[in-house]
Amino acid sequence: AQEALKAGRGRSGGTIRLGATVEFGTTLLIKHLAPFIKKHPQVHIDFQFSHDLLRPLLNDEVDLIIDCRDHKVPGLDKTPLFREEYAVIASPALAAGIRRPADLAGCRILSLDKDCAWWKNFLDALPQAGRPAFSDVTELNHIRGLINAAIESLGVGFVPKYCVTKELKAGTLENVFPRLELLEDRFAVYQKTKRTGLERHRLLIEYLSGIDAGQLPHTR
C-alpha cells in the first residue's frame, strides 16, 4: 500500500512548462495560480510568456498553453476556460471628442499590427457600413506600451479590459464606448493529446476550469 501511494504521488508530481500570453500571464495568471501552487507542492510550474504560443507547444518547448486564439491543429486537446472582454480606450482629453465609432476615422489608432487585425473584435461588432477606416495607425508590439501611449494621448487603443482596471478606476483612461457590445474571445488551455493522461496536467486543468470568471476583473 505504501509503495502504491508513493507511485501515485510520483505520477501527480513533476514539472509543467506553462505558456500564456504576456499581459494575461503577468497580470492575472500568476495571481490566480498561487493557491494551486501552495496546494500541490509536488507540481513545479515554469512559465513562458509570449504572443507566439502554438509553435513552442508543437515543438515540445512547453507542455500546456493558455491562449485566446482558437488553435485547430490535429493532435491537440482543448479545454475551454473563461471569456475575455475588450474595451476601446483613450485619455479623457481624446475621449471627449469621440461620440461614435465613425469618429475614430479621424483619430490616431494604436494597434499591435499595422493592418489593425488586432481591432477585429471591435470592427466585426459594427455593421459593415459603420466601420471606420483607419488611416493613421501607430504600431506597438506590446499591450503595456499601447496602454501607456493611450494615457499620453498619443492615440486610441483597443485592449482586454482586465489590463486597464486600475487606469479606468483612476480616470487616467476612459472606456470610449461602454455600451457598445464588442465581440469576445474565450481563453482555452491546450496540450498535446498524447499528454492528456498525465496526472499533473489533469490537476492543473481541473483547477483552471474551476476558476470563477467573476474573479477576473471585467470578464464574465
Protein backbone atom coordinates (compact mmCIF):
# COMPACT_ATOMS: atom_id res chain seq x y z
CA ALA A 1 0.00 0.00 0.00
CA GLN A 2 2.82 2.38 0.86
CA GLU A 3 4.53 1.63 -2.44
CA ALA A 4 1.27 2.26 -4.34
CA LEU A 5 0.78 5.61 -2.59
CA LYS A 6 4.37 6.59 -3.33
CA ALA A 7 3.92 5.67 -7.01
CA GLY A 8 0.71 7.71 -7.16
CA ARG A 9 2.45 10.76 -5.72
CA GLY A 10 5.18 10.37 -8.31
CA ARG A 11 2.69 10.39 -11.17
CA SER A 12 0.99 13.55 -9.90
CA GLY A 13 4.29 15.36 -9.35
CA GLY A 14 6.80 16.81 -11.76
CA THR A 15 7.29 19.96 -13.79
CA ILE A 16 4.78 21.70 -16.05
CA ARG A 17 6.12 24.21 -18.54
CA LEU A 18 3.16 26.56 -18.90
CA GLY A 19 2.84 29.10 -21.71
CA ALA A 20 0.49 32.10 -21.68
CA THR A 21 0.04 35.42 -23.44
CA VAL A 22 2.25 38.15 -21.99
CA GLU A 23 -0.30 40.54 -20.49
CA PHE A 24 -2.67 37.84 -19.22
CA GLY A 25 0.15 35.74 -17.82
CA THR A 26 1.93 38.52 -15.97
CA THR A 27 -1.21 40.38 -14.85
CA LEU A 28 -3.65 37.64 -13.82
CA LEU A 29 -2.31 34.11 -14.23
CA ILE A 30 0.42 34.35 -11.60
CA LYS A 31 -2.03 35.77 -9.08
CA HIS A 32 -4.72 33.12 -9.63
CA LEU A 33 -2.28 30.19 -9.71
CA ALA A 34 -0.87 30.93 -6.26
CA PRO A 35 -3.50 28.75 -4.44
CA PHE A 36 -2.82 25.81 -6.79
CA ILE A 37 0.94 26.05 -6.27
CA LYS A 38 0.50 26.09 -2.49
CA LYS A 39 -1.95 23.17 -2.55
CA HIS A 40 0.17 21.00 -4.86
CA PRO A 41 3.81 21.46 -3.83
CA GLN A 42 4.72 18.29 -5.75
CA VAL A 43 3.91 20.09 -9.03
CA HIS A 44 6.53 22.59 -10.16
CA ILE A 45 5.44 25.18 -12.74
CA ASP A 46 7.78 27.12 -15.02
CA PHE A 47 6.27 29.96 -17.05
CA GLN A 48 6.83 31.19 -20.58
CA PHE A 49 5.02 34.39 -21.56
CA SER A 50 4.80 35.07 -25.27
CA HIS A 51 2.42 36.12 -28.04
CA ASP A 52 3.68 33.11 -30.02
CA LEU A 53 2.41 30.07 -28.10
CA LEU A 54 1.42 27.43 -30.67
CA ARG A 55 4.90 26.91 -32.09
CA PRO A 56 6.53 26.23 -28.67
CA LEU A 57 3.73 23.78 -27.84
CA LEU A 58 4.12 21.87 -31.10
CA ASN A 59 7.91 21.84 -30.65
CA ASP A 60 7.61 20.48 -27.09
CA GLU A 61 9.19 23.62 -25.62
CA VAL A 62 6.15 23.98 -23.33
CA ASP A 63 3.67 21.38 -22.05
CA LEU A 64 0.47 23.46 -21.79
CA ILE A 65 -0.57 26.82 -23.17
CA ILE A 66 -3.38 29.17 -22.20
CA ASP A 67 -4.42 31.22 -25.22
CA CYS A 68 -7.40 33.16 -26.53
CA ARG A 69 -6.63 32.17 -30.12
CA ASP A 70 -8.54 29.21 -31.49
CA HIS A 71 -5.96 26.58 -32.48
CA LYS A 72 -7.47 23.88 -34.68
CA VAL A 73 -4.49 21.61 -35.06
CA PRO A 74 -4.62 17.79 -35.21
CA GLY A 75 -3.18 16.16 -32.12
CA LEU A 76 -4.11 18.96 -29.72
CA ASP A 77 -6.57 18.68 -26.85
CA LYS A 78 -8.54 21.84 -25.99
CA THR A 79 -10.33 22.70 -22.72
CA PRO A 80 -12.39 25.94 -22.85
CA LEU A 81 -11.96 28.36 -19.96
CA PHE A 82 -13.35 31.87 -19.31
CA ARG A 83 -14.21 34.67 -21.73
CA GLU A 84 -12.17 37.80 -22.40
CA GLU A 85 -13.81 41.20 -22.87
CA TYR A 86 -12.28 44.21 -24.61
CA ALA A 87 -12.52 47.99 -24.42
CA VAL A 88 -11.69 50.93 -26.67
CA ILE A 89 -9.55 53.22 -24.51
CA ALA A 90 -8.41 56.84 -24.70
CA SER A 91 -7.24 59.58 -22.38
CA PRO A 92 -10.05 61.83 -21.09
CA ALA A 93 -8.83 64.62 -23.42
CA LEU A 94 -9.13 62.43 -26.53
CA ALA A 95 -12.27 60.60 -25.40
CA ALA A 96 -14.13 63.91 -25.12
CA GLY A 97 -14.04 64.29 -28.90
CA ILE A 98 -15.26 60.76 -29.70
CA ARG A 99 -19.02 60.18 -29.73
CA ARG A 100 -19.49 57.31 -32.18
CA PRO A 101 -17.32 54.67 -33.87
CA ALA A 102 -17.16 56.70 -37.10
CA ASP A 103 -15.22 59.39 -35.21
CA LEU A 104 -12.25 57.01 -34.96
CA ALA A 105 -11.56 57.62 -38.66
CA GLY A 106 -10.08 60.97 -37.65
CA CYS A 107 -8.02 59.59 -34.73
CA ARG A 108 -4.57 58.09 -34.48
CA ILE A 109 -5.11 54.38 -33.86
CA LEU A 110 -2.83 52.36 -31.57
CA SER A 111 -2.52 48.73 -32.64
CA LEU A 112 -0.31 45.68 -32.25
CA ASP A 113 -0.14 45.45 -36.04
CA LYS A 114 -0.20 47.95 -38.90
CA ASP A 115 -3.17 46.28 -40.62
CA CYS A 116 -5.26 46.56 -37.43
CA ALA A 117 -6.14 42.87 -37.29
CA TRP A 118 -5.80 43.47 -33.54
CA TRP A 119 -9.00 45.55 -33.76
CA LYS A 120 -11.02 42.71 -35.33
CA ASN A 121 -13.33 42.18 -32.34
CA PHE A 122 -14.26 45.86 -32.43
CA LEU A 123 -14.71 46.21 -36.19
CA ASP A 124 -16.64 42.94 -36.56
CA ALA A 125 -19.10 44.12 -33.89
CA LEU A 126 -20.14 47.02 -36.17
CA PRO A 127 -22.31 46.86 -39.30
CA GLN A 128 -20.22 46.90 -42.46
CA ALA A 129 -21.34 50.41 -43.38
CA GLY A 130 -20.50 51.72 -39.91
CA ARG A 131 -16.90 50.52 -39.72
CA PRO A 132 -14.40 53.41 -39.65
CA ALA A 133 -11.41 53.39 -41.99
CA PHE A 134 -8.19 53.65 -40.01
CA SER A 135 -5.74 55.82 -41.93
CA ASP A 136 -3.33 56.87 -39.16
CA VAL A 137 -2.03 53.79 -37.33
CA THR A 138 0.80 53.63 -34.79
CA GLU A 139 2.11 50.09 -34.35
CA LEU A 140 3.31 48.95 -30.91
CA ASN A 141 4.37 45.37 -30.24
CA HIS A 142 3.34 45.24 -26.56
CA ILE A 143 -0.03 45.87 -24.91
CA ARG A 144 1.53 47.77 -22.00
CA GLY A 145 3.19 50.16 -24.45
CA LEU A 146 -0.16 50.63 -26.16
CA ILE A 147 -1.81 51.44 -22.82
CA ASN A 148 0.86 53.96 -21.87
CA ALA A 149 0.61 55.59 -25.29
CA ALA A 150 -3.14 55.98 -24.80
CA ILE A 151 -2.58 57.54 -21.37
CA GLU A 152 -0.26 60.10 -23.00
CA SER A 153 -2.95 60.97 -25.60
CA LEU A 154 -0.88 59.51 -28.45
CA GLY A 155 -3.92 57.71 -29.83
CA VAL A 156 -6.89 55.43 -29.19
CA GLY A 157 -6.26 51.83 -28.18
CA PHE A 158 -8.10 48.51 -28.03
CA VAL A 159 -7.21 46.19 -25.14
CA PRO A 160 -8.56 43.46 -22.86
CA LYS A 161 -10.45 45.12 -20.03
CA TYR A 162 -8.50 43.34 -17.30
CA CYS A 163 -5.35 45.16 -18.47
CA VAL A 164 -6.72 48.62 -17.63
CA THR A 165 -8.77 48.05 -14.47
CA LYS A 166 -6.63 50.44 -12.42
CA GLU A 167 -6.40 53.08 -15.14
CA LEU A 168 -10.16 53.15 -15.69
CA LYS A 169 -10.79 53.37 -11.97
CA ALA A 170 -8.23 56.16 -11.54
CA GLY A 171 -9.61 58.09 -14.51
CA THR A 172 -6.36 58.21 -16.45
CA LEU A 173 -8.15 56.29 -19.22
CA GLU A 174 -11.77 56.11 -20.32
CA ASN A 175 -13.75 53.29 -21.89
CA VAL A 176 -14.82 55.18 -25.02
CA PHE A 177 -17.84 53.02 -25.91
CA PRO A 178 -19.02 51.43 -22.64
CA ARG A 179 -22.43 50.49 -24.06
CA LEU A 180 -21.16 49.03 -27.33
CA GLU A 181 -21.30 45.23 -27.27
CA LEU A 182 -17.96 44.09 -28.61
CA LEU A 183 -17.08 40.57 -29.70
CA GLU A 184 -15.30 38.49 -27.07
CA ASP A 185 -12.61 35.85 -27.17
CA ARG A 186 -12.51 32.77 -24.99
CA PHE A 187 -9.41 31.50 -23.30
CA ALA A 188 -8.66 27.80 -23.55
CA VAL A 189 -5.90 25.54 -22.36
CA TYR A 190 -4.20 23.36 -24.98
CA GLN A 191 -1.95 20.34 -24.69
CA LYS A 192 -0.83 17.55 -26.96
CA THR A 193 -3.36 14.72 -26.90
CA LYS A 194 -0.63 12.22 -26.01
CA ARG A 195 -0.09 14.07 -22.71
CA THR A 196 -3.71 14.14 -21.52
CA GLY A 197 -3.08 11.16 -19.25
CA LEU A 198 -0.54 13.00 -17.09
CA GLU A 199 -1.94 13.47 -13.59
CA ARG A 200 -0.21 16.81 -13.01
CA HIS A 201 -1.79 18.16 -16.21
CA ARG A 202 -5.21 16.93 -15.10
CA LEU A 203 -4.83 18.62 -11.71
CA LEU A 204 -3.87 21.97 -13.23
CA ILE A 205 -6.54 21.94 -15.94
CA GLU A 206 -9.17 20.97 -13.38
CA TYR A 207 -8.10 23.93 -11.24
CA LEU A 208 -8.12 26.36 -14.17
CA SER A 209 -11.56 25.15 -15.26
CA GLY A 210 -12.89 25.80 -11.77
CA ILE A 211 -11.83 29.46 -11.65
CA ASP A 212 -14.91 31.65 -11.35
CA ALA A 213 -14.73 34.14 -14.23
CA GLY A 214 -16.25 36.70 -11.87
CA GLN A 215 -12.92 36.70 -10.00
CA LEU A 216 -11.20 38.09 -13.08
CA PRO A 217 -11.63 41.85 -13.46
CA HIS A 218 -14.13 42.80 -16.17
CA THR A 219 -14.64 39.26 -17.51
CA ARG A 220 -17.65 37.01 -17.46
